[in-house]
Amino acid sequence: MGRLSALVSVVAVAALACFMSASAQAAPGQVFYSSGFESDAVGALPPLWGDLANSTDDFVTDEWAATGEHSFVSVTPEGETVRHPVINLADIGAWPAPVSLGLEGTLRIESTAGSSASMGFYFADPRDGTTIVTANAVIFQPDGKIIWSGDGNVQIGTWPADTMTVVTVKVAMNTSTNIAHVWVDGVLFGDNLAALPMVIPATSVYGAEVNLDKFGFSLAEPLADDTGRVFIDDVSISEFVIPVRVRITPRTLNLKSKGKFITCRIDFPKGFSARAVNLSTVNLVSDDSEPVAGLPKPVSVHKVGRSGVTELMLKFPRADVEAILSPAPWVELTISGTLNDGTPFSGDDAIRVIKPGKVHTKKDNGHGKKK
């Protein structure tokens, strides 16, 4: 695995902490780049993409596509070590990077012997935009191992090497804590993985500590013994928002009732703990309404079976929620907030909202007569 060592040497030049602050976050869920390459000409290098080798071996193709007719192919010619086609997202105003960064793409790895693939984030030296000084990537090695290459290499799974393979890879990275999560075809393969931060340390070959100001996407076919290719389609870079499952009660909200609370149960997917929620950030909205803050008490957290899911239960002031709602058979409510590390989460639920002419109480028989 000598060529893997070459890749690791590119990746391993950065350490220390990142300089991002909460005030620099982008709008929740903002998409910085998304492309299926359908509007790009076959044979062309798409806008914003570049290549450290300054080669024409990487281009839009109609040979394969996950959706539509086009994809992008990265070719590593025989004898070369690591190739990194990249997107320089600073060119579209995507800097500073958000605290929670998400990357997704569908890969097609060729079936030739020794084929491999690498997909991940890169951070470029502001003194030389053509130089990648750190990267956090998922590597499909020729030996069948799937490796997370960040602050060290960790095996997170296996794949059928030497077989034509199509996989959708998703990476979520917190740029404040330098922790990453990896999904392959929707299955969590690795959580709480150590990632490299966005800073060049003074101990590096560059001789001085430098904060990085450009980030983007890297794709490579880095380990093939002969000429190798890897295709990618439906790629996106965005602020990663944890998708949570929300259940609000009561399911029918009577605007004339005199209850005190609305109860909300929030299920966090495996890899994220409800215990890490910053309760002061949790709020409820309906469309563009003013947010209603959750109450700090009562609150409970528990595991949901053996699924790895954890559930947070909290309450909202009923009067405040009713003030933003109107009667309707189907009203969508959004619950959002952040974890203590700044990673945002969001989920929706829908309830019925009514305002009848008369409210039945325990002392009312339903006909206006007391029992």
Protein backbone atom coordinates (compact mmCIF):
# COMPACT_ATOMS: atom_id res chain seq x y z
CA MET A 1 0.00 0.00 0.00
CA GLY A 2 2.77 2.43 -0.86
CA ARG A 3 0.44 4.70 -2.80
CA LEU A 4 -1.90 4.90 0.19
CA SER A 5 1.06 6.22 2.14
CA ALA A 6 1.49 8.89 -0.52
CA LEU A 7 -2.13 9.94 -0.03
CA VAL A 8 -1.75 10.01 3.73
CA SER A 9 1.32 12.24 3.41
CA VAL A 10 -0.82 14.78 1.57
CA VAL A 11 -3.56 14.55 4.17
CA ALA A 12 -1.44 14.54 7.31
CA VAL A 13 0.24 17.94 7.19
CA ALA A 14 -2.38 19.73 9.33
CA ALA A 15 -3.28 19.63 13.00
CA LEU A 16 -4.36 21.91 15.88
CA ALA A 17 -7.70 23.69 16.25
CA CYS A 18 -9.90 25.47 13.75
CA PHE A 19 -10.67 29.15 14.09
CA MET A 20 -14.36 29.13 13.22
CA SER A 21 -16.86 30.95 15.47
CA ALA A 22 -20.60 30.53 15.85
CA SER A 23 -21.16 34.05 14.57
CA ALA A 24 -19.65 33.04 11.23
CA GLN A 25 -22.18 30.30 10.49
CA ALA A 26 -24.13 30.36 7.26
CA ALA A 27 -27.92 30.16 7.19
CA PRO A 28 -29.10 26.71 8.41
CA GLY A 29 -29.15 24.18 5.60
CA GLN A 30 -27.53 26.51 3.07
CA VAL A 31 -26.40 24.69 -0.10
CA PHE A 32 -23.03 25.93 -1.33
CA TYR A 33 -22.71 23.72 -4.38
CA SER A 34 -24.94 21.14 -6.07
CA SER A 35 -24.55 19.55 -9.48
CA GLY A 36 -25.57 16.57 -11.56
CA PHE A 37 -23.38 17.92 -14.43
CA GLU A 38 -26.39 17.94 -16.79
CA SER A 39 -25.72 21.49 -17.97
CA ASP A 40 -22.01 20.82 -18.56
CA ALA A 41 -20.71 19.77 -21.97
CA VAL A 42 -19.32 16.26 -22.42
CA GLY A 43 -15.54 16.41 -22.42
CA ALA A 44 -15.40 19.70 -20.52
CA LEU A 45 -14.11 20.51 -17.05
CA PRO A 46 -17.11 21.93 -15.14
CA PRO A 47 -16.91 25.49 -13.78
CA LEU A 48 -15.33 25.76 -10.31
CA TRP A 49 -13.52 22.45 -10.79
CA GLY A 50 -9.75 22.26 -11.09
CA ASP A 51 -6.98 19.71 -10.88
CA LEU A 52 -3.67 19.86 -9.05
CA ALA A 53 -2.03 18.01 -11.94
CA ASN A 54 -3.38 20.54 -14.49
CA SER A 55 -4.42 17.65 -16.66
CA THR A 56 -7.26 17.14 -19.16
CA ASP A 57 -7.89 13.60 -17.91
CA ASP A 58 -10.86 14.67 -15.76
CA PHE A 59 -14.03 15.66 -17.57
CA VAL A 60 -17.81 15.43 -17.89
CA THR A 61 -18.92 12.16 -19.49
CA ASP A 62 -22.10 10.49 -20.71
CA GLU A 63 -20.65 7.01 -20.21
CA TRP A 64 -22.48 6.64 -16.87
CA ALA A 65 -24.83 8.65 -14.66
CA ALA A 66 -26.56 8.01 -11.35
CA THR A 67 -29.40 10.22 -12.57
CA GLY A 68 -29.80 12.07 -15.86
CA GLU A 69 -27.19 11.51 -18.57
CA HIS A 70 -23.96 13.11 -17.32
CA SER A 71 -21.43 12.53 -14.56
CA PHE A 72 -17.85 13.60 -13.85
CA VAL A 73 -14.93 11.18 -14.20
CA SER A 74 -11.54 11.40 -12.51
CA VAL A 75 -8.71 9.51 -14.19
CA THR A 76 -5.40 8.64 -12.55
CA PRO A 77 -2.88 7.84 -15.31
CA GLU A 78 -0.49 4.97 -14.73
CA GLY A 79 2.58 6.04 -12.80
CA GLU A 80 0.98 9.00 -11.01
CA THR A 81 0.42 8.97 -7.26
CA VAL A 82 -2.55 11.03 -6.08
CA ARG A 83 -4.89 13.04 -8.26
CA HIS A 84 -7.28 15.58 -6.73
CA PRO A 85 -9.88 17.23 -8.93
CA VAL A 86 -11.32 19.90 -6.65
CA ILE A 87 -13.93 22.64 -6.36
CA ASN A 88 -12.77 26.00 -5.05
CA LEU A 89 -15.87 27.14 -3.23
CA ALA A 90 -14.37 30.46 -2.16
CA ASP A 91 -15.16 31.56 -5.72
CA ILE A 92 -18.90 31.42 -5.04
CA GLY A 93 -18.79 33.20 -1.71
CA ALA A 94 -19.05 30.11 0.46
CA TRP A 95 -16.43 31.21 2.99
CA PRO A 96 -16.34 31.09 5.94
CA ALA A 97 -17.29 27.44 6.23
CA PRO A 98 -20.20 26.64 8.55
CA VAL A 99 -19.67 24.86 11.85
CA SER A 100 -21.49 21.86 10.39
CA LEU A 101 -20.35 20.94 6.88
CA GLY A 102 -22.04 18.25 4.75
CA LEU A 103 -20.83 16.50 1.60
CA GLU A 104 -22.68 13.97 -0.55
CA GLY A 105 -22.08 12.23 -3.86
CA THR A 106 -22.77 8.99 -5.73
CA LEU A 107 -19.62 7.15 -6.86
CA ARG A 108 -19.08 4.51 -9.52
CA ILE A 109 -15.84 2.62 -8.96
CA GLU A 110 -14.60 0.61 -11.92
CA SER A 111 -14.27 -3.17 -11.75
CA THR A 112 -10.65 -3.28 -12.92
CA ALA A 113 -8.17 -4.92 -10.57
CA GLY A 114 -6.76 -2.52 -8.01
CA SER A 115 -9.41 0.15 -8.50
CA SER A 116 -10.05 2.57 -5.65
CA ALA A 117 -11.79 5.84 -4.88
CA SER A 118 -11.35 8.77 -2.52
CA MET A 119 -14.01 11.41 -1.77
CA GLY A 120 -13.93 14.12 0.84
CA PHE A 121 -13.32 17.72 1.86
CA TYR A 122 -10.18 19.65 1.03
CA PHE A 123 -8.83 22.86 2.51
CA ALA A 124 -6.50 24.92 0.33
CA ASP A 125 -3.50 27.05 1.27
CA PRO A 126 -4.53 30.72 0.82
CA ARG A 127 -0.97 31.49 -0.30
CA ASP A 128 -1.29 29.01 -3.15
CA GLY A 129 -4.82 28.02 -4.14
CA THR A 130 -3.52 25.05 -6.13
CA THR A 131 -2.11 23.32 -3.04
CA ILE A 132 -4.26 21.12 -0.81
CA VAL A 133 -2.78 21.18 2.67
CA THR A 134 -5.35 19.05 4.43
CA ALA A 135 -8.19 16.76 3.47
CA ASN A 136 -10.72 14.56 5.25
CA ALA A 137 -11.79 11.74 2.98
CA VAL A 138 -13.50 8.36 2.65
CA ILE A 139 -11.23 5.92 0.80
CA PHE A 140 -12.34 2.71 -0.92
CA GLN A 141 -9.06 0.77 -0.97
CA PRO A 142 -8.13 -1.97 -3.47
CA ASP A 143 -7.95 -4.49 -0.58
CA GLY A 144 -11.69 -4.09 0.10
CA LYS A 145 -11.37 -1.85 3.15
CA ILE A 146 -13.26 1.43 3.50
CA ILE A 147 -11.03 3.89 5.35
CA TRP A 148 -11.74 7.23 6.98
CA SER A 149 -8.60 9.29 6.40
CA GLY A 150 -8.62 12.29 8.71
CA ASP A 151 -6.54 12.77 11.82
CA GLY A 152 -5.29 9.21 11.36
CA ASN A 153 -6.71 6.32 9.32
CA VAL A 154 -9.63 4.23 10.63
CA GLN A 155 -11.32 1.30 8.89
CA ILE A 156 -15.09 1.88 8.90
CA GLY A 157 -16.28 -0.93 6.63
CA THR A 158 -15.67 -3.10 3.56
CA TRP A 159 -16.65 -3.07 -0.10
CA PRO A 160 -16.51 -5.67 -2.95
CA ALA A 161 -13.16 -4.71 -4.45
CA ASP A 162 -12.50 -5.57 -8.12
CA THR A 163 -16.25 -5.35 -8.73
CA MET A 164 -18.02 -2.46 -10.41
CA THR A 165 -19.54 -0.67 -7.42
CA VAL A 166 -22.00 2.21 -7.16
CA VAL A 167 -22.35 3.79 -3.71
CA THR A 168 -23.74 7.01 -2.29
CA VAL A 169 -21.41 8.50 0.30
CA LYS A 170 -22.35 11.20 2.79
CA VAL A 171 -19.97 12.94 5.19
CA ALA A 172 -20.89 15.33 7.99
CA MET A 173 -18.06 17.24 9.64
CA ASN A 174 -18.09 19.66 12.55
CA THR A 175 -15.39 22.23 11.79
CA SER A 176 -15.29 23.40 15.40
CA THR A 177 -14.75 20.07 17.14
CA ASN A 178 -13.20 18.33 14.10
CA ILE A 179 -15.51 15.34 14.43
CA ALA A 180 -16.98 13.57 11.37
CA HIS A 181 -19.70 11.03 10.59
CA VAL A 182 -19.86 8.86 7.44
CA TRP A 183 -22.83 7.15 5.79
CA VAL A 184 -22.60 4.70 2.88
CA ASP A 185 -25.89 4.05 1.07
CA GLY A 186 -27.75 5.56 4.01
CA VAL A 187 -26.11 3.33 6.65
CA LEU A 188 -23.95 4.91 9.34
CA PHE A 189 -20.48 3.40 8.82
CA GLY A 190 -18.51 5.64 11.16
CA ASP A 191 -19.37 8.20 13.83
CA ASN A 192 -17.28 10.51 16.00
CA LEU A 193 -14.32 10.14 13.62
CA ALA A 194 -11.31 12.41 14.13
CA ALA A 195 -10.98 14.97 11.32
CA LEU A 196 -8.15 17.34 10.50
CA PRO A 197 -8.85 21.03 11.22
CA MET A 198 -8.66 24.01 8.88
CA VAL A 199 -5.29 25.37 9.87
CA ILE A 200 -1.70 24.80 8.77
CA PRO A 201 0.41 24.28 11.90
CA ALA A 202 3.72 26.02 12.41
CA THR A 203 5.34 22.58 12.60
CA SER A 204 4.41 21.81 8.99
CA VAL A 205 6.72 22.05 5.99
CA TYR A 206 5.31 25.55 5.40
CA GLY A 207 7.02 26.84 8.55
CA ALA A 208 4.23 29.08 9.85
CA GLU A 209 0.72 28.71 11.21
CA VAL A 210 -1.84 29.83 8.62
CA ASN A 211 -5.63 29.89 8.90
CA LEU A 212 -7.20 28.43 5.77
CA ASP A 213 -9.77 30.50 3.91
CA LYS A 214 -10.85 28.17 1.11
CA PHE A 215 -12.64 24.84 1.26
CA GLY A 216 -14.13 22.54 -1.31
CA PHE A 217 -14.63 19.00 -2.54
CA SER A 218 -11.97 16.45 -3.47
CA LEU A 219 -12.31 13.39 -5.70
CA ALA A 220 -9.54 10.99 -6.62
CA GLU A 221 -8.76 7.51 -7.96
CA PRO A 222 -5.56 7.37 -5.96
CA LEU A 223 -4.53 3.74 -5.54
CA ALA A 224 -4.88 1.86 -8.84
CA ASP A 225 -1.79 0.05 -10.09
CA ASP A 226 -2.71 0.91 -13.67
CA THR A 227 -4.80 3.71 -15.14
CA GLY A 228 -7.88 3.98 -12.95
CA ARG A 229 -11.15 5.89 -13.09
CA VAL A 230 -13.84 6.88 -10.64
CA PHE A 231 -17.11 8.57 -11.62
CA ILE A 232 -19.21 10.87 -9.45
CA ASP A 233 -22.71 12.27 -9.86
CA ASP A 234 -25.28 14.24 -7.86
CA VAL A 235 -22.67 15.92 -5.69
CA SER A 236 -23.49 18.60 -3.12
CA ILE A 237 -21.82 20.58 -0.36
CA SER A 238 -24.06 22.23 2.22
CA GLU A 239 -24.45 23.02 5.86
CA PHE A 240 -25.25 19.69 7.45
CA VAL A 241 -28.43 19.67 9.52
CA ILE A 242 -29.23 16.58 11.61
CA PRO A 243 -32.60 15.20 10.42
CA VAL A 244 -34.72 14.45 13.49
CA ARG A 245 -38.09 12.75 13.86
CA VAL A 246 -40.62 14.95 15.64
CA ARG A 247 -43.86 13.97 17.37
CA ILE A 248 -46.05 16.75 18.81
CA THR A 249 -49.02 16.23 21.14
CA PRO A 250 -51.88 16.89 21.35
CA ARG A 251 -52.48 15.71 17.77
CA THR A 252 -55.57 17.96 17.64
CA LEU A 253 -55.00 21.35 19.22
CA ASN A 254 -58.14 23.10 20.45
CA LEU A 255 -57.49 26.85 20.51
CA LYS A 256 -60.24 27.30 23.10
CA SER A 257 -58.92 24.75 25.55
CA LYS A 258 -57.03 25.84 28.65
CA GLY A 259 -54.09 23.44 28.71
CA LYS A 260 -50.68 24.68 29.82
CA PHE A 261 -48.25 22.79 27.57
CA ILE A 262 -47.53 21.37 24.14
CA THR A 263 -45.33 18.25 24.35
CA CYS A 264 -42.67 17.46 21.77
CA ARG A 265 -40.64 14.26 21.40
CA ILE A 266 -37.53 14.54 19.23
CA ASP A 267 -35.75 11.38 18.05
CA PHE A 268 -32.07 11.77 17.10
CA PRO A 269 -30.56 9.27 14.63
CA LYS A 270 -27.75 6.92 15.54
CA GLY A 271 -24.49 8.82 15.89
CA PHE A 272 -26.04 11.86 17.56
CA SER A 273 -27.16 12.05 21.18
CA ALA A 274 -30.21 13.89 22.45
CA ARG A 275 -28.21 14.48 25.62
CA ALA A 276 -25.97 16.86 23.66
CA VAL A 277 -28.81 19.29 22.81
CA ASN A 278 -28.36 22.91 23.84
CA LEU A 279 -31.84 23.38 25.30
CA SER A 280 -31.67 27.17 25.07
CA THR A 281 -31.63 26.91 21.26
CA VAL A 282 -34.71 24.71 20.76
CA ASN A 283 -37.70 26.47 19.23
CA LEU A 284 -40.92 25.84 17.34
CA VAL A 285 -42.21 27.75 14.31
CA SER A 286 -45.09 27.53 11.86
CA ASP A 287 -44.16 28.84 8.41
CA ASP A 288 -42.61 32.28 8.98
CA SER A 289 -43.97 32.83 12.47
CA GLU A 290 -42.02 34.13 15.41
CA PRO A 291 -40.22 31.23 17.12
CA VAL A 292 -41.57 29.83 20.38
CA ALA A 293 -38.82 28.78 22.77
CA GLY A 294 -38.90 25.42 24.49
CA LEU A 295 -39.17 25.26 28.26
CA PRO A 296 -36.03 24.26 30.21
CA LYS A 297 -38.17 21.99 32.44
CA PRO A 298 -39.56 19.36 32.42
CA VAL A 299 -37.11 17.59 30.10
CA SER A 300 -36.23 13.92 29.73
CA VAL A 301 -33.87 11.89 27.54
CA HIS A 302 -33.92 8.14 26.96
CA LYS A 303 -32.80 5.51 24.47
CA VAL A 304 -35.29 4.07 22.00
CA GLY A 305 -34.77 0.31 22.12
CA ARG A 306 -31.47 -0.96 20.73
CA SER A 307 -31.55 1.15 17.59
CA GLY A 308 -29.03 3.71 18.79
CA VAL A 309 -31.75 6.38 18.62
CA THR A 310 -32.12 8.72 21.60
CA GLU A 311 -35.24 10.73 22.32
CA LEU A 312 -35.56 14.16 23.88
CA MET A 313 -38.92 15.10 25.44
CA LEU A 314 -39.62 18.74 26.22
CA LYS A 315 -42.56 21.12 26.42
CA PHE A 316 -43.60 24.47 24.95
CA PRO A 317 -45.95 27.04 26.52
CA ARG A 318 -49.36 26.25 25.04
CA ALA A 319 -50.53 29.86 24.94
CA ASP A 320 -47.44 30.94 22.99
CA VAL A 321 -47.89 28.13 20.45
CA GLU A 322 -51.60 28.86 20.03
CA ALA A 323 -50.79 32.52 19.37
CA ILE A 324 -48.96 31.63 16.12
CA LEU A 325 -51.61 29.17 14.82
CA SER A 326 -54.94 29.37 13.05
CA PRO A 327 -57.58 26.63 12.59
CA ALA A 328 -56.69 24.23 9.78
CA PRO A 329 -56.96 20.48 9.13
CA TRP A 330 -53.20 20.21 8.58
CA VAL A 331 -50.67 22.60 10.16
CA GLU A 332 -46.95 21.92 9.77
CA LEU A 333 -44.71 22.78 12.70
CA THR A 334 -40.91 22.83 12.60
CA ILE A 335 -38.71 22.09 15.59
CA SER A 336 -35.07 23.17 15.38
CA GLY A 337 -32.04 23.89 17.52
CA THR A 338 -28.38 22.99 17.89
CA LEU A 339 -26.23 20.57 19.81
CA ASN A 340 -23.68 21.91 22.27
CA ASP A 341 -21.02 21.73 19.53
CA GLY A 342 -23.07 23.96 17.20
CA THR A 343 -24.41 21.24 14.88
CA PRO A 344 -27.97 22.21 13.89
CA PHE A 345 -30.94 19.84 13.85
CA SER A 346 -34.42 20.19 12.41
CA GLY A 347 -37.60 18.18 11.96
CA ASP A 348 -41.26 18.66 11.06
CA ASP A 349 -44.59 17.36 12.26
CA ALA A 350 -48.18 18.24 11.37
CA ILE A 351 -51.19 18.52 13.68
CA ARG A 352 -54.86 19.50 13.39
CA VAL A 353 -55.86 22.90 14.79
CA ILE A 354 -59.49 23.63 15.69
CA LYS A 355 -61.51 26.40 17.33
CA PRO A 356 -65.03 25.10 18.02
CA GLY A 357 -67.91 27.28 19.20
CA LYS A 358 -68.13 25.55 22.55
CA VAL A 359 -65.69 23.62 24.62
CA HIS A 360 -66.91 20.59 26.57
CA THR A 361 -65.63 20.41 30.10
CA LYS A 362 -65.83 17.64 32.64
CA LYS A 363 -68.95 19.34 34.08
CA ASP A 364 -70.64 19.72 30.70
CA ASN A 365 -72.75 16.96 29.12
CA GLY A 366 -72.19 18.40 25.63
CA HIS A 367 -75.60 20.08 25.43
CA GLY A 368 -74.91 23.17 27.51
CA LYS A 369 -76.28 21.56 30.68
CA LYS A 370 -74.21 20.80 33.69
CA LYS A 371 -74.38 17.35 35.18
